[in-house]
Amino acid sequence: HERQGDPFSAADDRLLSTVANQLAQTIERL
């Protein structure tokens, strides 16, 4: 986080989870 950054929102959490899932699927395909 930036020093004075806002906490992650629910939308941020959902986006981060999606990115992690996509990376996992890519690793599994490889």
PDB file of all heavy atoms in Angstrom:
ATOM      1  N   HIS A   1       0.832  -1.210   0.000  1.00  0.00           N
ATOM      2  CA  HIS A   1       0.000   0.000   0.000  1.00  0.00           C
ATOM      3  C   HIS A   1       0.866   1.258   0.000  1.00  0.00           C
ATOM      4  O   HIS A   1       1.998   1.253   0.504  1.00  0.00           O
ATOM      5  CB  HIS A   1      -0.863   0.031   1.271  1.00  0.00           C
ATOM      6  CG  HIS A   1      -2.273  -0.412   1.013  1.00  0.00           C
ATOM      7  ND1 HIS A   1      -3.080   0.172   0.080  1.00  0.00           N
ATOM      8  CD2 HIS A   1      -3.009  -1.383   1.618  1.00  0.00           C
ATOM      9  CE1 HIS A   1      -4.267  -0.424   0.102  1.00  0.00           C
ATOM     10  NE2 HIS A   1      -4.242  -1.387   1.031  1.00  0.00           N
ATOM     11  N   GLU A   2       0.314   2.312  -0.550  1.00  0.00           N
ATOM     12  CA  GLU A   2       0.924   3.617  -0.333  1.00  0.00           C
ATOM     13  C   GLU A   2       0.813   3.955   1.154  1.00  0.00           C
ATOM     14  O   GLU A   2      -0.038   3.424   1.868  1.00  0.00           O
ATOM     15  CB  GLU A   2       0.221   4.663  -1.180  1.00  0.00           C
ATOM     16  CG  GLU A   2       0.387   4.453  -2.680  1.00  0.00           C
ATOM     17  CD  GLU A   2      -0.315   5.538  -3.483  1.00  0.00           C
ATOM     18  OE1 GLU A   2      -1.005   6.375  -2.843  1.00  0.00           O
ATOM     19  OE2 GLU A   2      -0.183   5.544  -4.712  1.00  0.00           O
ATOM     20  N   ARG A   3       1.677   4.858   1.603  1.00  0.00           N
ATOM     21  CA  ARG A   3       1.727   5.156   3.045  1.00  0.00           C
ATOM     22  C   ARG A   3       0.367   5.617   3.576  1.00  0.00           C
ATOM     23  O   ARG A   3      -0.048   5.220   4.648  1.00  0.00           O
ATOM     24  CB  ARG A   3       2.781   6.227   3.324  1.00  0.00           C
ATOM     25  CG  ARG A   3       4.200   5.740   3.109  1.00  0.00           C
ATOM     26  CD  ARG A   3       5.207   6.787   3.549  1.00  0.00           C
ATOM     27  NE  ARG A   3       6.582   6.330   3.360  1.00  0.00           N
ATOM     28  CZ  ARG A   3       7.235   5.578   4.207  1.00  0.00           C
ATOM     29  NH1 ARG A   3       6.656   5.217   5.346  1.00  0.00           N
ATOM     30  NH2 ARG A   3       8.480   5.203   3.962  1.00  0.00           N
ATOM     31  N   GLN A   4      -0.328   6.450   2.831  1.00  0.00           N
ATOM     32  CA  GLN A   4      -1.629   6.955   3.270  1.00  0.00           C
ATOM     33  C   GLN A   4      -2.743   6.402   2.394  1.00  0.00           C
ATOM     34  O   GLN A   4      -3.768   7.045   2.194  1.00  0.00           O
ATOM     35  CB  GLN A   4      -1.642   8.486   3.230  1.00  0.00           C
ATOM     36  CG  GLN A   4      -0.531   9.148   4.032  1.00  0.00           C
ATOM     37  CD  GLN A   4      -0.615   8.809   5.511  1.00  0.00           C
ATOM     38  OE1 GLN A   4      -1.706   8.617   6.058  1.00  0.00           O
ATOM     39  NE2 GLN A   4       0.553   8.723   6.157  1.00  0.00           N
ATOM     40  N   GLY A   5      -2.527   5.221   1.819  1.00  0.00           N
ATOM     41  CA  GLY A   5      -3.502   4.665   0.890  1.00  0.00           C
ATOM     42  C   GLY A   5      -4.757   4.165   1.583  1.00  0.00           C
ATOM     43  O   GLY A   5      -4.756   3.804   2.765  1.00  0.00           O
ATOM     44  N   ASP A   6      -5.864   4.152   0.817  1.00  0.00           N
ATOM     45  CA  ASP A   6      -7.122   3.624   1.333  1.00  0.00           C
ATOM     46  C   ASP A   6      -7.074   2.102   1.371  1.00  0.00           C
ATOM     47  O   ASP A   6      -6.360   1.468   0.587  1.00  0.00           O
ATOM     48  CB  ASP A   6      -8.282   4.061   0.442  1.00  0.00           C
ATOM     49  CG  ASP A   6      -8.455   5.576   0.437  1.00  0.00           C
ATOM     50  OD1 ASP A   6      -8.158   6.194   1.492  1.00  0.00           O
ATOM     51  OD2 ASP A   6      -8.879   6.133  -0.607  1.00  0.00           O
ATOM     52  N   PRO A   7      -7.805   1.483   2.290  1.00  0.00           N
ATOM     53  CA  PRO A   7      -7.843   0.012   2.330  1.00  0.00           C
ATOM     54  C   PRO A   7      -8.506  -0.539   1.074  1.00  0.00           C
ATOM     55  O   PRO A   7      -9.233   0.168   0.370  1.00  0.00           O
ATOM     56  CB  PRO A   7      -8.663  -0.275   3.592  1.00  0.00           C
ATOM     57  CG  PRO A   7      -9.491   0.951   3.811  1.00  0.00           C
ATOM     58  CD  PRO A   7      -8.646   2.098   3.348  1.00  0.00           C
ATOM     59  N   PHE A   8      -8.250  -1.821   0.799  1.00  0.00           N
ATOM     60  CA  PHE A   8      -8.850  -2.447  -0.373  1.00  0.00           C
ATOM     61  C   PHE A   8     -10.356  -2.526  -0.211  1.00  0.00           C
ATOM     62  O   PHE A   8     -10.873  -2.860   0.863  1.00  0.00           O
ATOM     63  CB  PHE A   8      -8.289  -3.861  -0.567  1.00  0.00           C
ATOM     64  CG  PHE A   8      -6.852  -3.872  -1.015  1.00  0.00           C
ATOM     65  CD1 PHE A   8      -5.873  -4.413  -0.197  1.00  0.00           C
ATOM     66  CD2 PHE A   8      -6.488  -3.350  -2.242  1.00  0.00           C
ATOM     67  CE1 PHE A   8      -4.547  -4.430  -0.602  1.00  0.00           C
ATOM     68  CE2 PHE A   8      -5.165  -3.358  -2.650  1.00  0.00           C
ATOM     69  CZ  PHE A   8      -4.193  -3.893  -1.828  1.00  0.00           C
ATOM     70  N   SER A   9     -11.090  -2.247  -1.287  1.00  0.00           N
ATOM     71  CA  SER A   9     -12.544  -2.364  -1.281  1.00  0.00           C
ATOM     72  C   SER A   9     -12.942  -3.776  -1.691  1.00  0.00           C
ATOM     73  O   SER A   9     -12.110  -4.593  -2.095  1.00  0.00           O
ATOM     74  CB  SER A   9     -13.147  -1.352  -2.259  1.00  0.00           C
ATOM     75  OG  SER A   9     -12.779  -1.670  -3.590  1.00  0.00           O
ATOM     76  N   ALA A  10     -14.244  -4.065  -1.595  1.00  0.00           N
ATOM     77  CA  ALA A  10     -14.751  -5.382  -2.001  1.00  0.00           C
ATOM     78  C   ALA A  10     -14.476  -5.635  -3.479  1.00  0.00           C
ATOM     79  O   ALA A  10     -14.143  -6.761  -3.892  1.00  0.00           O
ATOM     80  CB  ALA A  10     -16.247  -5.488  -1.706  1.00  0.00           C
ATOM     81  N   ALA A  11     -14.594  -4.577  -4.295  1.00  0.00           N
ATOM     82  CA  ALA A  11     -14.296  -4.725  -5.726  1.00  0.00           C
ATOM     83  C   ALA A  11     -12.818  -5.038  -5.933  1.00  0.00           C
ATOM     84  O   ALA A  11     -12.455  -5.867  -6.788  1.00  0.00           O
ATOM     85  CB  ALA A  11     -14.691  -3.454  -6.481  1.00  0.00           C
ATOM     86  N   ASP A  12     -11.939  -4.382  -5.156  1.00  0.00           N
ATOM     87  CA  ASP A  12     -10.508  -4.685  -5.248  1.00  0.00           C
ATOM     88  C   ASP A  12     -10.227  -6.132  -4.860  1.00  0.00           C
ATOM     89  O   ASP A  12      -9.447  -6.829  -5.524  1.00  0.00           O
ATOM     90  CB  ASP A  12      -9.706  -3.748  -4.335  1.00  0.00           C
ATOM     91  CG  ASP A  12      -9.810  -2.295  -4.761  1.00  0.00           C
ATOM     92  OD1 ASP A  12      -9.982  -2.052  -5.976  1.00  0.00           O
ATOM     93  OD2 ASP A  12      -9.730  -1.417  -3.886  1.00  0.00           O
ATOM     94  N   ASP A  13     -10.890  -6.581  -3.785  1.00  0.00           N
ATOM     95  CA  ASP A  13     -10.683  -7.958  -3.335  1.00  0.00           C
ATOM     96  C   ASP A  13     -11.114  -8.951  -4.405  1.00  0.00           C
ATOM     97  O   ASP A  13     -10.442  -9.955  -4.659  1.00  0.00           O
ATOM     98  CB  ASP A  13     -11.461  -8.216  -2.046  1.00  0.00           C
ATOM     99  CG  ASP A  13     -10.980  -7.334  -0.894  1.00  0.00           C
ATOM    100  OD1 ASP A  13      -9.886  -6.747  -1.039  1.00  0.00           O
ATOM    101  OD2 ASP A  13     -11.700  -7.239   0.114  1.00  0.00           O
ATOM    102  N   ARG A  14     -12.263  -8.669  -5.036  1.00  0.00           N
ATOM    103  CA  ARG A  14     -12.765  -9.561  -6.083  1.00  0.00           C
ATOM    104  C   ARG A  14     -11.807  -9.581  -7.272  1.00  0.00           C
ATOM    105  O   ARG A  14     -11.515 -10.635  -7.847  1.00  0.00           O
ATOM    106  CB  ARG A  14     -14.159  -9.121  -6.518  1.00  0.00           C
ATOM    107  CG  ARG A  14     -14.806 -10.085  -7.520  1.00  0.00           C
ATOM    108  CD  ARG A  14     -16.191  -9.627  -7.928  1.00  0.00           C
ATOM    109  NE  ARG A  14     -17.130  -9.762  -6.817  1.00  0.00           N
ATOM    110  CZ  ARG A  14     -17.625  -8.746  -6.119  1.00  0.00           C
ATOM    111  NH1 ARG A  14     -17.250  -7.498  -6.397  1.00  0.00           N
ATOM    112  NH2 ARG A  14     -18.475  -8.960  -5.126  1.00  0.00           N
ATOM    113  N   LEU A  15     -11.276  -8.409  -7.639  1.00  0.00           N
ATOM    114  CA  LEU A  15     -10.338  -8.329  -8.766  1.00  0.00           C
ATOM    115  C   LEU A  15      -9.046  -9.079  -8.458  1.00  0.00           C
ATOM    116  O   LEU A  15      -8.530  -9.827  -9.300  1.00  0.00           O
ATOM    117  CB  LEU A  15     -10.033  -6.863  -9.078  1.00  0.00           C
ATOM    118  CG  LEU A  15      -9.008  -6.613 -10.193  1.00  0.00           C
ATOM    119  CD1 LEU A  15      -9.488  -7.204 -11.503  1.00  0.00           C
ATOM    120  CD2 LEU A  15      -8.736  -5.114 -10.335  1.00  0.00           C
ATOM    121  N   LEU A  16      -8.539  -8.915  -7.249  1.00  0.00           N
ATOM    122  CA  LEU A  16      -7.307  -9.611  -6.875  1.00  0.00           C
ATOM    123  C   LEU A  16      -7.511 -11.129  -6.865  1.00  0.00           C
ATOM    124  O   LEU A  16      -6.636 -11.889  -7.300  1.00  0.00           O
ATOM    125  CB  LEU A  16      -6.820  -9.133  -5.518  1.00  0.00           C
ATOM    126  CG  LEU A  16      -6.301  -7.692  -5.466  1.00  0.00           C
ATOM    127  CD1 LEU A  16      -6.050  -7.263  -4.021  1.00  0.00           C
ATOM    128  CD2 LEU A  16      -5.017  -7.562  -6.285  1.00  0.00           C
ATOM    129  N   SER A  17      -8.662 -11.569  -6.375  1.00  0.00           N
ATOM    130  CA  SER A  17      -8.956 -13.006  -6.373  1.00  0.00           C
ATOM    131  C   SER A  17      -9.036 -13.542  -7.800  1.00  0.00           C
ATOM    132  O   SER A  17      -8.554 -14.641  -8.105  1.00  0.00           O
ATOM    133  CB  SER A  17     -10.273 -13.278  -5.637  1.00  0.00           C
ATOM    134  OG  SER A  17     -10.170 -12.918  -4.279  1.00  0.00           O
ATOM    135  N   THR A  18      -9.636 -12.740  -8.697  1.00  0.00           N
ATOM    136  CA  THR A  18      -9.740 -13.152 -10.103  1.00  0.00           C
ATOM    137  C   THR A  18      -8.368 -13.258 -10.747  1.00  0.00           C
ATOM    138  O   THR A  18      -8.067 -14.213 -11.474  1.00  0.00           O
ATOM    139  CB  THR A  18     -10.614 -12.153 -10.886  1.00  0.00           C
ATOM    140  OG1 THR A  18     -11.913 -12.089 -10.286  1.00  0.00           O
ATOM    141  CG2 THR A  18     -10.742 -12.566 -12.342  1.00  0.00           C
ATOM    142  N   VAL A  19      -7.503 -12.265 -10.469  1.00  0.00           N
ATOM    143  CA  VAL A  19      -6.148 -12.307 -11.022  1.00  0.00           C
ATOM    144  C   VAL A  19      -5.403 -13.541 -10.514  1.00  0.00           C
ATOM    145  O   VAL A  19      -4.712 -14.237 -11.292  1.00  0.00           O
ATOM    146  CB  VAL A  19      -5.383 -11.020 -10.656  1.00  0.00           C
ATOM    147  CG1 VAL A  19      -3.913 -11.144 -11.031  1.00  0.00           C
ATOM    148  CG2 VAL A  19      -5.995  -9.818 -11.347  1.00  0.00           C
ATOM    149  N   ALA A  20      -5.525 -13.832  -9.230  1.00  0.00           N
ATOM    150  CA  ALA A  20      -4.860 -15.008  -8.664  1.00  0.00           C
ATOM    151  C   ALA A  20      -5.382 -16.288  -9.307  1.00  0.00           C
ATOM    152  O   ALA A  20      -4.604 -17.205  -9.618  1.00  0.00           O
ATOM    153  CB  ALA A  20      -5.055 -15.046  -7.149  1.00  0.00           C
ATOM    154  N   ASN A  21      -6.706 -16.361  -9.535  1.00  0.00           N
ATOM    155  CA  ASN A  21      -7.282 -17.547 -10.178  1.00  0.00           C
ATOM    156  C   ASN A  21      -6.788 -17.701 -11.612  1.00  0.00           C
ATOM    157  O   ASN A  21      -6.506 -18.809 -12.077  1.00  0.00           O
ATOM    158  CB  ASN A  21      -8.809 -17.473 -10.145  1.00  0.00           C
ATOM    159  CG  ASN A  21      -9.374 -17.679  -8.759  1.00  0.00           C
ATOM    160  OD1 ASN A  21      -8.749 -18.329  -7.922  1.00  0.00           O
ATOM    161  ND2 ASN A  21     -10.548 -17.130  -8.489  1.00  0.00           N
ATOM    162  N   GLN A  22      -6.688 -16.584 -12.333  1.00  0.00           N
ATOM    163  CA  GLN A  22      -6.190 -16.646 -13.705  1.00  0.00           C
ATOM    164  C   GLN A  22      -4.741 -17.116 -13.752  1.00  0.00           C
ATOM    165  O   GLN A  22      -4.353 -17.912 -14.611  1.00  0.00           O
ATOM    166  CB  GLN A  22      -6.318 -15.268 -14.374  1.00  0.00           C
ATOM    167  CG  GLN A  22      -7.756 -14.834 -14.644  1.00  0.00           C
ATOM    168  CD  GLN A  22      -8.421 -15.719 -15.686  1.00  0.00           C
ATOM    169  OE1 GLN A  22      -7.784 -16.176 -16.615  1.00  0.00           O
ATOM    170  NE2 GLN A  22      -9.712 -15.958 -15.510  1.00  0.00           N
ATOM    171  N   LEU A  23      -3.929 -16.602 -12.825  1.00  0.00           N
ATOM    172  CA  LEU A  23      -2.544 -17.066 -12.758  1.00  0.00           C
ATOM    173  C   LEU A  23      -2.473 -18.560 -12.449  1.00  0.00           C
ATOM    174  O   LEU A  23      -1.669 -19.295 -13.046  1.00  0.00           O
ATOM    175  CB  LEU A  23      -1.782 -16.283 -11.689  1.00  0.00           C
ATOM    176  CG  LEU A  23      -1.403 -14.842 -12.032  1.00  0.00           C
ATOM    177  CD1 LEU A  23      -0.787 -14.161 -10.817  1.00  0.00           C
ATOM    178  CD2 LEU A  23      -0.414 -14.807 -13.197  1.00  0.00           C
ATOM    179  N   ALA A  24      -3.329 -19.019 -11.530  1.00  0.00           N
ATOM    180  CA  ALA A  24      -3.344 -20.435 -11.181  1.00  0.00           C
ATOM    181  C   ALA A  24      -3.734 -21.288 -12.387  1.00  0.00           C
ATOM    182  O   ALA A  24      -3.145 -22.336 -12.644  1.00  0.00           O
ATOM    183  CB  ALA A  24      -4.306 -20.675 -10.016  1.00  0.00           C
ATOM    184  N   GLN A  25      -4.741 -20.821 -13.152  1.00  0.00           N
ATOM    185  CA  GLN A  25      -5.156 -21.574 -14.336  1.00  0.00           C
ATOM    186  C   GLN A  25      -4.054 -21.606 -15.392  1.00  0.00           C
ATOM    187  O   GLN A  25      -3.843 -22.620 -16.059  1.00  0.00           O
ATOM    188  CB  GLN A  25      -6.431 -20.958 -14.919  1.00  0.00           C
ATOM    189  CG  GLN A  25      -7.658 -21.136 -14.038  1.00  0.00           C
ATOM    190  CD  GLN A  25      -8.887 -20.460 -14.620  1.00  0.00           C
ATOM    191  OE1 GLN A  25      -8.947 -20.176 -15.810  1.00  0.00           O
ATOM    192  NE2 GLN A  25      -9.871 -20.192 -13.770  1.00  0.00           N
ATOM    193  N   THR A  26      -3.336 -20.498 -15.533  1.00  0.00           N
ATOM    194  CA  THR A  26      -2.232 -20.464 -16.489  1.00  0.00           C
ATOM    195  C   THR A  26      -1.138 -21.443 -16.089  1.00  0.00           C
ATOM    196  O   THR A  26      -0.606 -22.178 -16.922  1.00  0.00           O
ATOM    197  CB  THR A  26      -1.651 -19.043 -16.580  1.00  0.00           C
ATOM    198  OG1 THR A  26      -2.683 -18.138 -16.995  1.00  0.00           O
ATOM    199  CG2 THR A  26      -0.498 -18.998 -17.568  1.00  0.00           C
ATOM    200  N   ILE A  27      -0.799 -21.450 -14.795  1.00  0.00           N
ATOM    201  CA  ILE A  27       0.214 -22.384 -14.304  1.00  0.00           C
ATOM    202  C   ILE A  27      -0.230 -23.829 -14.521  1.00  0.00           C
ATOM    203  O   ILE A  27       0.550 -24.690 -14.923  1.00  0.00           O
ATOM    204  CB  ILE A  27       0.505 -22.122 -12.817  1.00  0.00           C
ATOM    205  CG1 ILE A  27       1.162 -20.737 -12.651  1.00  0.00           C
ATOM    206  CG2 ILE A  27       1.386 -23.209 -12.214  1.00  0.00           C
ATOM    207  CD1 ILE A  27       1.309 -20.298 -11.213  1.00  0.00           C
ATOM    208  N   GLU A  28      -1.519 -24.094 -14.279  1.00  0.00           N
ATOM    209  CA  GLU A  28      -2.039 -25.448 -14.478  1.00  0.00           C
ATOM    210  C   GLU A  28      -1.996 -25.848 -15.946  1.00  0.00           C
ATOM    211  O   GLU A  28      -1.630 -26.979 -16.287  1.00  0.00           O
ATOM    212  CB  GLU A  28      -3.481 -25.528 -13.949  1.00  0.00           C
ATOM    213  CG  GLU A  28      -4.153 -26.875 -14.129  1.00  0.00           C
ATOM    214  CD  GLU A  28      -3.552 -27.956 -13.255  1.00  0.00           C
ATOM    215  OE1 GLU A  28      -2.624 -27.653 -12.470  1.00  0.00           O
ATOM    216  OE2 GLU A  28      -4.001 -29.106 -13.357  1.00  0.00           O
ATOM    217  N   ARG A  29      -2.332 -24.903 -16.844  1.00  0.00           N
ATOM    218  CA  ARG A  29      -2.264 -25.205 -18.280  1.00  0.00           C
ATOM    219  C   ARG A  29      -0.824 -25.497 -18.693  1.00  0.00           C
ATOM    220  O   ARG A  29      -0.563 -26.405 -19.482  1.00  0.00           O
ATOM    221  CB  ARG A  29      -2.829 -24.049 -19.094  1.00  0.00           C
ATOM    222  CG  ARG A  29      -4.342 -23.990 -19.116  1.00  0.00           C
ATOM    223  CD  ARG A  29      -4.839 -23.082 -20.219  1.00  0.00           C
ATOM    224  NE  ARG A  29      -4.383 -21.708 -20.067  1.00  0.00           N
ATOM    225  CZ  ARG A  29      -5.046 -20.777 -19.406  1.00  0.00           C
ATOM    226  NH1 ARG A  29      -6.202 -21.068 -18.820  1.00  0.00           N
ATOM    227  NH2 ARG A  29      -4.575 -19.542 -19.319  1.00  0.00           N
ATOM    228  N   LEU A  30       0.131 -24.712 -18.187  1.00  0.00           N
ATOM    229  CA  LEU A  30       1.533 -24.954 -18.512  1.00  0.00           C
ATOM    230  C   LEU A  30       1.992 -26.319 -18.007  1.00  0.00           C
ATOM    231  O   LEU A  30       2.747 -27.027 -18.691  1.00  0.00           O
ATOM    232  CB  LEU A  30       2.405 -23.849 -17.913  1.00  0.00           C
ATOM    233  CG  LEU A  30       2.251 -22.455 -18.533  1.00  0.00           C
ATOM    234  CD1 LEU A  30       3.066 -21.439 -17.748  1.00  0.00           C
ATOM    235  CD2 LEU A  30       2.684 -22.466 -19.995  1.00  0.00           C
TER     236      LEU A  30
END
